[in-house]
Structures are given as C-alpha cells and as structure tokens.
C-alpha cells in the first residue's frame, strides 16, 4: 500500500493513478489522516461497485422484489396492454 498526501497528489496525479493501476492501492492523506483511496478499477467492475457502495439502491431493489412477490405490482406486458386499451377508447 502506498501513501500520498494531497499536496503531492496534486503535483503528479497521473503518477499515483499509474501506481494504483499497475502496482498497489494508494491511500490519500489530508492533514496526516487518510481521506480517500485510489484503487485499480476496470469498467466491468462499475456495476458491482455501485451496488456495493450505494446501500439505498440495494434497499430499493429489495423493496421492488417484495412488492413483486406480494403481487402488488403488475408486469410490463399488462401495463402496456392497459395503456393501449385506454388509448383506444
């Protein structure tokens, strides 16, 4: 693990992004305290990252699943049929 303070990071950001992508995680410090981390990240990891870090999104998925399981929602085909019928009237 590599540590870098904010001042040094602002002088050579590409250097530390390269370290994070090729060698090791980079811990960024501010006033001597860790405040952020640079890690290797690939495009394929984006969805997993968002789901892991945004717990409210996961909660929304759980709510949607329970609503679906309880039958309090309708599927998209029924919704489209209802919309088409109301437009035909």
Protein backbone atom coordinates (compact mmCIF):
# COMPACT_ATOMS: atom_id res chain seq x y z
CA UNK A 1 0.00 0.00 0.00
CA UNK A 2 1.30 3.43 -0.92
CA UNK A 3 0.55 6.67 0.97
CA UNK A 4 0.49 10.14 -0.58
CA UNK A 5 -0.58 13.49 0.81
CA UNK A 6 -2.90 15.85 -1.06
CA UNK A 7 -0.12 18.30 -1.96
CA UNK A 8 1.99 15.61 -3.62
CA UNK A 9 -1.05 14.12 -5.34
CA UNK A 10 -1.94 17.48 -6.91
CA UNK A 11 1.63 17.81 -8.25
CA UNK A 12 1.65 14.43 -10.02
CA UNK A 13 -1.80 12.85 -10.16
CA UNK A 14 -1.02 10.63 -13.15
CA UNK A 15 1.93 9.11 -11.27
CA UNK A 16 -0.36 7.91 -8.48
CA UNK A 17 -3.11 6.73 -10.81
CA UNK A 18 -0.44 4.66 -12.57
CA UNK A 19 0.75 3.22 -9.25
CA UNK A 20 -2.85 2.30 -8.35
CA UNK A 21 -3.47 0.67 -11.74
CA UNK A 22 -0.18 -1.19 -12.04
CA UNK A 23 1.17 -1.84 -8.55
CA UNK A 24 -0.77 -1.15 -5.38
CA UNK A 25 -3.57 0.81 -3.75
CA UNK A 26 -2.79 4.44 -2.95
CA UNK A 27 -4.06 5.93 0.30
CA UNK A 28 -4.52 9.69 0.07
CA UNK A 29 -4.00 11.66 3.26
CA UNK A 30 -5.11 15.12 4.27
CA UNK A 31 -3.61 16.77 7.34
CA UNK A 32 -1.97 13.45 8.15
CA UNK A 33 -5.23 11.47 8.13
CA UNK A 34 -6.44 9.04 5.46
CA UNK A 35 -9.29 10.57 3.45
CA UNK A 36 -9.53 8.63 0.17
CA UNK A 37 -8.12 5.71 -1.73
CA UNK A 38 -7.09 5.12 -5.33
CA UNK A 39 -7.62 1.53 -6.42
CA UNK A 40 -7.33 -0.39 -9.64
CA UNK A 41 -10.68 -0.25 -11.33
CA UNK A 42 -11.92 -1.72 -14.58
CA UNK A 43 -15.06 -0.85 -16.49
CA UNK A 44 -16.54 -4.30 -15.85
CA UNK A 45 -16.42 -3.60 -12.10
CA UNK A 46 -18.63 -0.50 -12.23
CA UNK A 47 -21.99 -2.20 -11.63
CA UNK A 48 -20.69 -4.24 -8.69
CA UNK A 49 -19.08 -1.13 -7.20
CA UNK A 50 -22.26 0.93 -7.45
CA UNK A 51 -24.37 -1.82 -5.90
CA UNK A 52 -21.88 -2.40 -3.08
CA UNK A 53 -21.38 1.26 -2.19
CA UNK A 54 -24.91 2.61 -2.55
CA UNK A 55 -26.89 0.68 0.00
CA UNK A 56 -30.06 2.69 -0.65
CA UNK A 57 -30.08 1.33 -4.22
CA UNK A 58 -29.89 -2.19 -2.85
CA UNK A 59 -32.74 -1.33 -0.48
CA UNK A 60 -34.80 -0.08 -3.43
CA UNK A 61 -34.20 -3.40 -5.20
CA UNK A 62 -35.32 -5.30 -2.11
CA UNK A 63 -38.49 -3.16 -1.85
CA UNK A 64 -39.27 -3.77 -5.52
CA UNK A 65 -38.74 -7.50 -5.07
CA UNK A 66 -41.04 -7.69 -2.05
CA UNK A 67 -43.72 -5.68 -3.89
CA UNK A 68 -43.44 -8.03 -6.85
CA UNK A 69 -43.54 -11.12 -4.62
CA UNK A 70 -46.65 -9.84 -2.80
CA UNK A 71 -48.49 -9.27 -6.07
CA UNK A 72 -48.91 -5.53 -5.53
CA UNK A 73 -47.35 -4.74 -8.90
CA UNK A 74 -48.18 -5.67 -12.48
CA UNK A 75 -45.80 -6.85 -15.14
CA UNK A 76 -44.81 -4.69 -18.08
CA UNK A 77 -46.98 -6.61 -20.56
CA UNK A 78 -50.12 -6.00 -18.52
CA UNK A 79 -49.21 -2.34 -18.11
CA UNK A 80 -48.71 -1.90 -21.86
CA UNK A 81 -52.00 -3.66 -22.59
CA UNK A 82 -53.80 -1.38 -20.13
CA UNK A 83 -52.23 1.69 -21.72
CA UNK A 84 -53.11 0.55 -25.22
CA UNK A 85 -56.71 -0.14 -24.19
CA UNK A 86 -57.06 3.29 -22.59
CA UNK A 87 -55.62 4.94 -25.71
CA UNK A 88 -58.05 3.03 -27.96
CA UNK A 89 -61.06 4.32 -26.00
